[in-house]
């Protein structure tokens, strides 16, 4: 991933530190809750949600459940986003939608849809990278790193490959 055309923004250790810090922020804001649901967006967002769940299980007394939201990020219009489990189990639960990068907010806006028909206690958003190009009214409650970029630049997050783990700007 790290070629002459890519710049390493965060290395593996820095990513682990960001994940741990986000986990502590989530715990601080939800310490009175009996349970949380982390809904990771397919791909690196789900890998990030898994890492956050692991950190939360070491620091927080509440239970952490994990689901995956499947959607195609390259499609301009999305069919209804479906979680990999029934949503009625999460009534009155804090839900945190997790993705690797917040760019325009489009993907996160689509991913919030399944939770609008369930009376959840709170609906929050966590991202590793916030690129600061909002086009949709979606903001992250938890951010690992804010990275101001141009519209032509691209951010690659690699979490699932330990050897290449990093955040790259190209």
N, C-alpha and C. Protein backbone atom coordinates (compact mmCIF):
# COMPACT_ATOMS: atom_id res chain seq x y z
N UNK A 1 0.83 -1.19 0.00
CA UNK A 1 0.00 0.00 0.00
C UNK A 1 0.87 1.25 0.00
N UNK A 2 1.97 1.25 0.72
CA UNK A 2 2.79 2.44 0.84
C UNK A 2 3.77 2.50 -0.33
N UNK A 3 3.35 3.16 -1.40
CA UNK A 3 4.19 3.32 -2.57
C UNK A 3 4.76 4.72 -2.55
N UNK A 4 5.50 5.05 -3.58
CA UNK A 4 6.05 6.39 -3.69
C UNK A 4 4.96 7.45 -3.78
N UNK A 5 3.75 7.06 -4.16
CA UNK A 5 2.65 8.00 -4.31
C UNK A 5 1.78 8.09 -3.06
N UNK A 6 2.07 7.29 -2.04
CA UNK A 6 1.29 7.30 -0.80
C UNK A 6 2.11 7.87 0.34
N UNK A 7 1.43 8.56 1.23
CA UNK A 7 2.06 9.08 2.43
C UNK A 7 1.44 8.40 3.63
N UNK A 8 2.28 7.86 4.49
CA UNK A 8 1.78 7.23 5.71
C UNK A 8 1.35 8.33 6.68
N UNK A 9 0.09 8.30 7.08
CA UNK A 9 -0.45 9.29 8.00
C UNK A 9 -0.43 8.75 9.43
N UNK A 10 -0.87 7.50 9.62
CA UNK A 10 -0.85 6.84 10.92
C UNK A 10 -0.28 5.44 10.74
N UNK A 11 0.65 5.06 11.61
CA UNK A 11 1.17 3.69 11.57
C UNK A 11 0.32 2.80 12.48
N UNK A 12 0.67 1.52 12.53
CA UNK A 12 -0.12 0.55 13.28
C UNK A 12 -0.23 0.92 14.76
N UNK A 13 0.88 1.32 15.37
CA UNK A 13 0.85 1.66 16.79
C UNK A 13 -0.02 2.89 17.04
N UNK A 14 0.07 3.88 16.17
CA UNK A 14 -0.75 5.08 16.32
C UNK A 14 -2.23 4.75 16.16
N UNK A 15 -2.55 3.85 15.25
CA UNK A 15 -3.94 3.42 15.07
C UNK A 15 -4.44 2.73 16.33
N UNK A 16 -3.63 1.85 16.90
CA UNK A 16 -4.04 1.17 18.14
C UNK A 16 -4.29 2.19 19.27
N UNK A 17 -3.45 3.23 19.35
CA UNK A 17 -3.65 4.28 20.35
C UNK A 17 -4.96 5.02 20.11
N UNK A 18 -5.25 5.33 18.86
CA UNK A 18 -6.51 6.03 18.53
C UNK A 18 -7.71 5.16 18.89
N UNK A 19 -7.63 3.88 18.59
CA UNK A 19 -8.74 2.97 18.90
C UNK A 19 -8.95 2.90 20.41
N UNK A 20 -7.87 2.82 21.16
CA UNK A 20 -7.98 2.76 22.62
C UNK A 20 -8.60 4.06 23.17
N UNK A 21 -8.17 5.20 22.63
CA UNK A 21 -8.72 6.48 23.08
C UNK A 21 -10.20 6.59 22.76
N UNK A 22 -10.61 6.17 21.56
CA UNK A 22 -12.03 6.19 21.19
C UNK A 22 -12.82 5.29 22.14
N UNK A 23 -12.27 4.11 22.45
CA UNK A 23 -12.96 3.19 23.37
C UNK A 23 -13.17 3.85 24.73
N UNK A 24 -12.17 4.54 25.24
CA UNK A 24 -12.32 5.23 26.53
C UNK A 24 -13.37 6.34 26.44
N UNK A 25 -13.40 7.07 25.32
CA UNK A 25 -14.42 8.11 25.15
C UNK A 25 -15.82 7.50 25.12
N UNK A 26 -15.96 6.40 24.42
CA UNK A 26 -17.26 5.72 24.37
C UNK A 26 -17.67 5.28 25.77
N UNK A 27 -16.75 4.72 26.51
CA UNK A 27 -17.04 4.29 27.88
C UNK A 27 -17.43 5.47 28.75
N UNK A 28 -16.68 6.57 28.67
CA UNK A 28 -16.98 7.75 29.49
C UNK A 28 -18.37 8.31 29.19
N UNK A 29 -18.79 8.27 27.94
CA UNK A 29 -20.09 8.82 27.57
C UNK A 29 -21.24 7.85 27.77
N UNK A 30 -20.93 6.59 28.06
CA UNK A 30 -21.99 5.58 28.18
C UNK A 30 -21.78 4.68 29.39
N UNK A 31 -21.08 5.15 30.41
CA UNK A 31 -20.72 4.29 31.54
C UNK A 31 -21.91 3.77 32.33
N UNK A 32 -23.06 4.42 32.23
CA UNK A 32 -24.23 3.96 32.98
C UNK A 32 -25.09 2.97 32.19
N UNK A 33 -24.72 2.70 30.98
CA UNK A 33 -25.51 1.81 30.12
C UNK A 33 -25.23 0.34 30.46
N UNK A 34 -26.24 -0.52 30.35
CA UNK A 34 -26.02 -1.95 30.58
C UNK A 34 -25.37 -2.64 29.38
N UNK A 35 -25.55 -2.06 28.18
CA UNK A 35 -25.03 -2.71 26.97
C UNK A 35 -24.89 -1.67 25.86
N UNK A 36 -24.01 -1.98 24.93
CA UNK A 36 -23.84 -1.17 23.71
C UNK A 36 -23.91 -2.09 22.51
N UNK A 37 -24.31 -1.51 21.39
CA UNK A 37 -24.26 -2.21 20.11
C UNK A 37 -23.33 -1.43 19.20
N UNK A 38 -22.29 -2.08 18.70
CA UNK A 38 -21.42 -1.49 17.70
C UNK A 38 -21.85 -2.04 16.35
N UNK A 39 -22.21 -1.16 15.43
CA UNK A 39 -22.64 -1.56 14.09
C UNK A 39 -21.57 -1.12 13.10
N UNK A 40 -20.72 -2.05 12.71
CA UNK A 40 -19.62 -1.74 11.81
C UNK A 40 -20.05 -1.83 10.36
N UNK A 41 -19.68 -0.82 9.58
CA UNK A 41 -19.97 -0.83 8.15
C UNK A 41 -18.99 -1.78 7.47
N UNK A 42 -19.51 -2.63 6.60
CA UNK A 42 -18.71 -3.69 5.98
C UNK A 42 -17.37 -3.17 5.47
N UNK A 43 -16.37 -4.02 5.55
CA UNK A 43 -15.01 -3.65 5.18
C UNK A 43 -14.23 -3.22 6.40
N UNK A 44 -13.43 -2.20 6.25
CA UNK A 44 -12.57 -1.74 7.35
C UNK A 44 -13.37 -1.14 8.49
N UNK A 45 -14.57 -0.66 8.23
CA UNK A 45 -15.43 -0.16 9.31
C UNK A 45 -15.80 -1.26 10.28
N UNK A 46 -16.08 -2.45 9.76
CA UNK A 46 -16.40 -3.58 10.63
C UNK A 46 -15.16 -4.05 11.39
N UNK A 47 -14.01 -4.02 10.75
CA UNK A 47 -12.76 -4.39 11.43
C UNK A 47 -12.49 -3.41 12.57
N UNK A 48 -12.74 -2.12 12.34
CA UNK A 48 -12.59 -1.11 13.39
C UNK A 48 -13.57 -1.37 14.52
N UNK A 49 -14.81 -1.72 14.19
CA UNK A 49 -15.81 -2.03 15.23
C UNK A 49 -15.36 -3.23 16.06
N UNK A 50 -14.79 -4.24 15.43
CA UNK A 50 -14.27 -5.39 16.16
C UNK A 50 -13.17 -4.97 17.14
N UNK A 51 -12.26 -4.12 16.68
CA UNK A 51 -11.17 -3.65 17.54
C UNK A 51 -11.71 -2.83 18.70
N UNK A 52 -12.69 -1.97 18.43
CA UNK A 52 -13.31 -1.18 19.51
C UNK A 52 -14.02 -2.08 20.51
N UNK A 53 -14.72 -3.10 20.02
CA UNK A 53 -15.40 -4.04 20.91
C UNK A 53 -14.39 -4.73 21.81
N UNK A 54 -13.26 -5.13 21.26
CA UNK A 54 -12.22 -5.77 22.06
C UNK A 54 -11.69 -4.86 23.15
N UNK A 55 -11.45 -3.61 22.81
CA UNK A 55 -10.97 -2.63 23.80
C UNK A 55 -12.02 -2.38 24.87
N UNK A 56 -13.27 -2.19 24.44
CA UNK A 56 -14.34 -1.93 25.40
C UNK A 56 -14.52 -3.09 26.37
N UNK A 57 -14.37 -4.31 25.90
CA UNK A 57 -14.53 -5.46 26.78
C UNK A 57 -13.45 -5.53 27.84
N UNK A 58 -12.29 -4.89 27.60
CA UNK A 58 -11.24 -4.89 28.61
C UNK A 58 -11.39 -3.76 29.63
N UNK A 59 -12.11 -2.68 29.27
CA UNK A 59 -12.18 -1.53 30.17
C UNK A 59 -13.56 -1.27 30.75
N UNK A 60 -14.61 -1.77 30.11
CA UNK A 60 -15.97 -1.41 30.52
C UNK A 60 -16.71 -2.62 31.09
N UNK A 61 -17.58 -2.37 32.08
CA UNK A 61 -18.34 -3.48 32.66
C UNK A 61 -19.56 -3.89 31.85
N UNK A 62 -20.00 -3.04 30.90
CA UNK A 62 -21.19 -3.38 30.14
C UNK A 62 -20.88 -4.36 29.02
N UNK A 63 -21.93 -5.00 28.52
CA UNK A 63 -21.74 -5.94 27.41
C UNK A 63 -21.70 -5.15 26.10
N UNK A 64 -20.95 -5.68 25.16
CA UNK A 64 -20.80 -5.06 23.85
C UNK A 64 -21.20 -6.08 22.80
N UNK A 65 -22.21 -5.74 22.01
CA UNK A 65 -22.63 -6.60 20.92
C UNK A 65 -22.14 -5.97 19.62
N UNK A 66 -21.97 -6.80 18.60
CA UNK A 66 -21.38 -6.36 17.34
C UNK A 66 -22.21 -6.89 16.18
N UNK A 67 -22.57 -5.99 15.25
CA UNK A 67 -23.23 -6.42 14.03
C UNK A 67 -22.52 -5.76 12.85
N UNK A 68 -22.75 -6.33 11.67
CA UNK A 68 -22.18 -5.78 10.45
C UNK A 68 -23.29 -5.22 9.58
N UNK A 69 -23.06 -4.03 9.03
CA UNK A 69 -23.98 -3.40 8.09
C UNK A 69 -23.39 -3.55 6.70
N UNK A 70 -24.11 -4.23 5.84
CA UNK A 70 -23.63 -4.46 4.48
C UNK A 70 -24.20 -3.42 3.52
N UNK A 71 -23.30 -2.69 2.88
CA UNK A 71 -23.70 -1.78 1.83
C UNK A 71 -22.55 -1.60 0.86
N UNK A 72 -22.88 -1.21 -0.34
CA UNK A 72 -21.88 -1.00 -1.38
C UNK A 72 -21.57 0.49 -1.42
N UNK A 73 -20.39 0.87 -0.94
CA UNK A 73 -20.04 2.28 -0.84
C UNK A 73 -19.91 2.97 -2.19
N UNK A 74 -19.72 2.20 -3.25
CA UNK A 74 -19.54 2.81 -4.56
C UNK A 74 -20.87 3.11 -5.27
N UNK A 75 -21.98 2.56 -4.78
CA UNK A 75 -23.29 2.83 -5.38
C UNK A 75 -23.78 4.21 -4.96
N UNK A 76 -24.32 4.95 -5.91
CA UNK A 76 -24.83 6.29 -5.60
C UNK A 76 -26.12 6.22 -4.80
N UNK A 77 -26.98 5.26 -5.11
CA UNK A 77 -28.22 5.04 -4.37
C UNK A 77 -28.13 3.65 -3.76
N UNK A 78 -28.62 3.51 -2.56
CA UNK A 78 -28.51 2.25 -1.84
C UNK A 78 -29.87 1.59 -1.70
N UNK A 79 -29.92 0.29 -1.90
CA UNK A 79 -31.12 -0.42 -1.46
C UNK A 79 -31.14 -0.37 0.07
N UNK A 80 -32.22 -0.75 0.71
CA UNK A 80 -32.23 -0.71 2.18
C UNK A 80 -31.04 -1.47 2.77
N UNK A 81 -30.37 -0.81 3.70
CA UNK A 81 -29.21 -1.41 4.36
C UNK A 81 -29.71 -2.43 5.36
N UNK A 82 -29.15 -3.60 5.31
CA UNK A 82 -29.59 -4.69 6.19
C UNK A 82 -28.47 -5.08 7.14
N UNK A 83 -28.75 -5.06 8.43
CA UNK A 83 -27.78 -5.60 9.38
C UNK A 83 -27.78 -7.12 9.29
N UNK A 84 -26.74 -7.74 9.82
CA UNK A 84 -26.66 -9.20 9.73
C UNK A 84 -27.48 -9.91 10.81
N UNK A 85 -28.24 -9.15 11.63
CA UNK A 85 -29.14 -9.73 12.62
C UNK A 85 -30.39 -8.88 12.75
N UNK A 86 -31.41 -9.44 13.39
CA UNK A 86 -32.68 -8.72 13.57
C UNK A 86 -32.48 -7.48 14.44
N UNK A 87 -33.13 -6.39 14.06
CA UNK A 87 -32.95 -5.12 14.78
C UNK A 87 -33.82 -5.00 16.02
N UNK A 88 -34.91 -5.74 16.12
CA UNK A 88 -35.80 -5.56 17.26
C UNK A 88 -35.15 -5.95 18.58
N UNK A 89 -34.02 -6.63 18.54
CA UNK A 89 -33.30 -6.98 19.76
C UNK A 89 -32.62 -5.78 20.40
N UNK A 90 -32.57 -4.65 19.70
CA UNK A 90 -31.78 -3.52 20.17
C UNK A 90 -32.63 -2.33 20.60
N UNK A 91 -33.89 -2.58 20.92
CA UNK A 91 -34.75 -1.54 21.44
C UNK A 91 -34.16 -1.03 22.76
N UNK A 92 -34.14 0.30 22.91
CA UNK A 92 -33.65 0.96 24.12
C UNK A 92 -32.17 0.67 24.39
N UNK A 93 -31.40 0.50 23.33
CA UNK A 93 -29.96 0.25 23.43
C UNK A 93 -29.21 1.40 22.79
N UNK A 94 -28.02 1.69 23.30
CA UNK A 94 -27.14 2.66 22.66
C UNK A 94 -26.49 1.98 21.47
N UNK A 95 -26.63 2.60 20.30
CA UNK A 95 -26.05 2.07 19.07
C UNK A 95 -24.98 3.03 18.59
N UNK A 96 -23.82 2.49 18.27
CA UNK A 96 -22.73 3.29 17.71
C UNK A 96 -22.38 2.72 16.34
N UNK A 97 -22.64 3.51 15.30
CA UNK A 97 -22.30 3.12 13.94
C UNK A 97 -20.83 3.46 13.73
N UNK A 98 -20.07 2.48 13.21
CA UNK A 98 -18.61 2.61 13.10
C UNK A 98 -18.18 2.47 11.64
N UNK A 99 -17.35 3.40 11.19
CA UNK A 99 -16.75 3.30 9.87
C UNK A 99 -15.31 3.79 9.94
N UNK A 100 -14.53 3.45 8.92
CA UNK A 100 -13.12 3.82 8.94
C UNK A 100 -12.93 5.30 8.62
N UNK A 101 -13.62 5.82 7.59
CA UNK A 101 -13.41 7.21 7.16
C UNK A 101 -14.75 7.91 7.00
N UNK A 102 -14.84 9.11 7.54
CA UNK A 102 -15.98 10.00 7.29
C UNK A 102 -15.52 11.01 6.27
N UNK A 103 -16.08 10.92 5.08
CA UNK A 103 -15.69 11.84 3.99
C UNK A 103 -16.82 12.84 3.78
N UNK A 104 -17.86 12.47 3.04
CA UNK A 104 -18.97 13.39 2.81
C UNK A 104 -20.13 13.14 3.76
N UNK A 105 -20.16 11.97 4.40
CA UNK A 105 -21.26 11.61 5.28
C UNK A 105 -22.31 10.75 4.59
N UNK A 106 -22.18 10.52 3.29
CA UNK A 106 -23.16 9.76 2.52
C UNK A 106 -23.30 8.33 3.01
N UNK A 107 -22.18 7.63 3.15
CA UNK A 107 -22.21 6.24 3.61
C UNK A 107 -22.83 6.15 5.00
N UNK A 108 -22.43 7.02 5.89
CA UNK A 108 -22.98 6.99 7.24
C UNK A 108 -24.47 7.35 7.25
N UNK A 109 -24.89 8.26 6.38
CA UNK A 109 -26.31 8.59 6.31
C UNK A 109 -27.12 7.36 5.92
N UNK A 110 -26.66 6.61 4.92
CA UNK A 110 -27.34 5.37 4.52
C UNK A 110 -27.33 4.35 5.66
N UNK A 111 -26.21 4.28 6.39
CA UNK A 111 -26.08 3.24 7.42
C UNK A 111 -26.92 3.53 8.66
N UNK A 112 -27.39 4.74 8.82
CA UNK A 112 -28.24 5.06 9.96
C UNK A 112 -29.68 4.58 9.75
N UNK A 113 -30.06 4.35 8.50
CA UNK A 113 -31.44 4.02 8.14
C UNK A 113 -32.04 2.85 8.93
N UNK A 114 -31.34 1.72 9.11
CA UNK A 114 -31.98 0.61 9.83
C UNK A 114 -32.35 0.94 11.27
N UNK A 115 -31.69 1.93 11.86
CA UNK A 115 -31.91 2.25 13.27
C UNK A 115 -33.02 3.27 13.47
N UNK A 116 -33.50 3.85 12.39
CA UNK A 116 -34.55 4.85 12.51
C UNK A 116 -35.91 4.22 12.79
N UNK A 117 -36.06 2.93 12.52
CA UNK A 117 -37.33 2.25 12.79
C UNK A 117 -37.32 1.49 14.11
N UNK A 118 -36.24 1.61 14.87
CA UNK A 118 -36.11 0.95 16.17
C UNK A 118 -35.95 2.04 17.23
N UNK A 119 -36.69 1.98 18.31
CA UNK A 119 -36.54 3.01 19.35
C UNK A 119 -35.27 2.79 20.18
N UNK A 120 -34.13 3.19 19.59
CA UNK A 120 -32.86 3.05 20.30
C UNK A 120 -32.73 4.17 21.34
N UNK A 121 -31.91 3.94 22.33
CA UNK A 121 -31.70 4.94 23.39
C UNK A 121 -30.90 6.13 22.86
N UNK A 122 -29.78 5.83 22.19
CA UNK A 122 -28.92 6.84 21.57
C UNK A 122 -28.36 6.26 20.30
N UNK A 123 -28.11 7.11 19.33
CA UNK A 123 -27.48 6.71 18.07
C UNK A 123 -26.26 7.59 17.88
N UNK A 124 -25.09 6.99 17.91
CA UNK A 124 -23.84 7.73 17.83
C UNK A 124 -23.01 7.22 16.66
N UNK A 125 -21.97 7.98 16.30
CA UNK A 125 -21.10 7.63 15.18
C UNK A 125 -19.65 7.70 15.63
N UNK A 126 -18.87 6.67 15.25
CA UNK A 126 -17.44 6.64 15.53
C UNK A 126 -16.69 6.37 14.24
N UNK A 127 -15.64 7.14 13.99
CA UNK A 127 -14.80 6.95 12.81
C UNK A 127 -13.34 7.05 13.21
N UNK A 128 -12.49 6.38 12.45
CA UNK A 128 -11.06 6.52 12.68
C UNK A 128 -10.54 7.82 12.09
N UNK A 129 -10.98 8.16 10.88
CA UNK A 129 -10.52 9.36 10.19
C UNK A 129 -11.72 10.22 9.79
N UNK A 130 -11.67 11.51 10.14
CA UNK A 130 -12.67 12.48 9.71
C UNK A 130 -11.99 13.42 8.73
N UNK A 131 -12.44 13.42 7.47
CA UNK A 131 -11.80 14.21 6.41
C UNK A 131 -12.32 15.63 6.27
N UNK A 132 -13.36 16.00 6.98
CA UNK A 132 -13.85 17.39 6.98
C UNK A 132 -14.40 17.86 5.63
N UNK A 133 -15.18 17.03 4.94
CA UNK A 133 -15.84 17.44 3.70
C UNK A 133 -17.33 17.12 3.78
N UNK A 134 -18.06 17.70 4.74
CA UNK A 134 -19.46 17.31 4.92
C UNK A 134 -20.35 17.77 3.77
N UNK A 135 -21.10 16.82 3.24
CA UNK A 135 -22.16 17.12 2.27
C UNK A 135 -23.51 16.68 2.81
N UNK A 136 -23.47 15.79 3.79
CA UNK A 136 -24.67 15.27 4.44
C UNK A 136 -24.61 15.68 5.91
N UNK A 137 -25.76 15.83 6.55
CA UNK A 137 -25.75 16.29 7.95
C UNK A 137 -25.40 15.17 8.93
N UNK A 138 -24.20 14.63 8.78
CA UNK A 138 -23.72 13.56 9.65
C UNK A 138 -22.38 14.00 10.22
N UNK A 139 -22.27 13.93 11.53
CA UNK A 139 -21.01 14.25 12.19
C UNK A 139 -20.64 13.09 13.10
N UNK A 140 -19.37 12.93 13.33
CA UNK A 140 -18.90 11.85 14.19
C UNK A 140 -18.86 12.31 15.64
N UNK A 141 -19.38 11.46 16.52
CA UNK A 141 -19.29 11.72 17.96
C UNK A 141 -17.89 11.37 18.46
N UNK A 142 -17.27 10.39 17.82
CA UNK A 142 -15.94 9.90 18.22
C UNK A 142 -15.06 9.86 16.99
N UNK A 143 -13.92 10.54 17.06
CA UNK A 143 -12.99 10.61 15.93
C UNK A 143 -11.60 10.22 16.41
N UNK A 144 -10.94 9.40 15.63
CA UNK A 144 -9.57 9.06 15.95
C UNK A 144 -8.62 10.15 15.51
N UNK A 145 -8.86 10.69 14.32
CA UNK A 145 -7.93 11.66 13.74
C UNK A 145 -8.68 12.51 12.73
N UNK A 146 -8.50 13.83 12.79
CA UNK A 146 -9.08 14.72 11.80
C UNK A 146 -8.00 15.04 10.78
N UNK A 147 -8.33 14.84 9.51
CA UNK A 147 -7.37 15.01 8.44
C UNK A 147 -8.00 15.87 7.36
N UNK A 148 -7.53 17.10 7.25
CA UNK A 148 -8.03 17.99 6.20
C UNK A 148 -7.37 17.61 4.89
N UNK A 149 -8.19 17.30 3.91
CA UNK A 149 -7.70 16.86 2.61
C UNK A 149 -8.38 17.65 1.50
N UNK A 150 -7.83 17.54 0.31
CA UNK A 150 -8.51 18.11 -0.84
C UNK A 150 -9.51 17.09 -1.36
N UNK A 151 -10.40 17.52 -2.22
CA UNK A 151 -11.39 16.61 -2.78
C UNK A 151 -10.77 15.55 -3.69
N UNK A 152 -9.59 15.84 -4.24
CA UNK A 152 -8.95 14.89 -5.15
C UNK A 152 -8.08 13.87 -4.42
N UNK A 153 -7.78 14.10 -3.18
CA UNK A 153 -6.96 13.14 -2.43
C UNK A 153 -7.83 11.98 -1.96
N UNK A 154 -7.17 10.86 -1.68
CA UNK A 154 -7.86 9.66 -1.23
C UNK A 154 -7.18 9.15 0.03
N UNK A 155 -7.98 8.69 0.98
CA UNK A 155 -7.46 8.11 2.22
C UNK A 155 -7.74 6.61 2.20
N UNK A 156 -6.69 5.82 2.37
CA UNK A 156 -6.81 4.37 2.47
C UNK A 156 -6.53 3.97 3.91
N UNK A 157 -7.47 3.24 4.50
CA UNK A 157 -7.29 2.70 5.84
C UNK A 157 -7.14 1.20 5.71
N UNK A 158 -6.05 0.68 6.26
CA UNK A 158 -5.80 -0.76 6.24
C UNK A 158 -5.71 -1.22 7.69
N UNK A 159 -6.72 -1.99 8.10
CA UNK A 159 -6.75 -2.52 9.47
C UNK A 159 -6.68 -4.04 9.47
N UNK A 160 -7.13 -4.66 8.40
CA UNK A 160 -7.26 -6.11 8.37
C UNK A 160 -5.96 -6.83 8.00
N UNK A 161 -4.93 -6.11 7.59
CA UNK A 161 -3.64 -6.70 7.24
C UNK A 161 -2.59 -6.14 8.19
N UNK A 162 -2.16 -6.95 9.16
CA UNK A 162 -1.24 -6.49 10.20
C UNK A 162 0.07 -5.94 9.62
N UNK A 163 0.57 -6.51 8.54
CA UNK A 163 1.83 -6.05 7.95
C UNK A 163 1.69 -4.68 7.28
N UNK A 164 0.54 -4.40 6.70
CA UNK A 164 0.32 -3.15 5.99
C UNK A 164 -0.51 -2.16 6.81
N UNK A 165 -0.85 -2.52 8.06
CA UNK A 165 -1.75 -1.69 8.87
C UNK A 165 -1.27 -0.24 8.89
N UNK A 166 -2.20 0.64 8.52
CA UNK A 166 -1.87 2.06 8.51
C UNK A 166 -2.96 2.86 7.84
N UNK A 167 -2.81 4.17 7.91
CA UNK A 167 -3.66 5.11 7.20
C UNK A 167 -2.76 5.81 6.19
N UNK A 168 -3.16 5.74 4.93
CA UNK A 168 -2.34 6.28 3.84
C UNK A 168 -3.10 7.35 3.10
N UNK A 169 -2.39 8.40 2.69
CA UNK A 169 -2.97 9.48 1.90
C UNK A 169 -2.32 9.41 0.51
N UNK A 170 -3.20 9.37 -0.50
CA UNK A 170 -2.67 9.39 -1.86
C UNK A 170 -3.48 10.35 -2.71
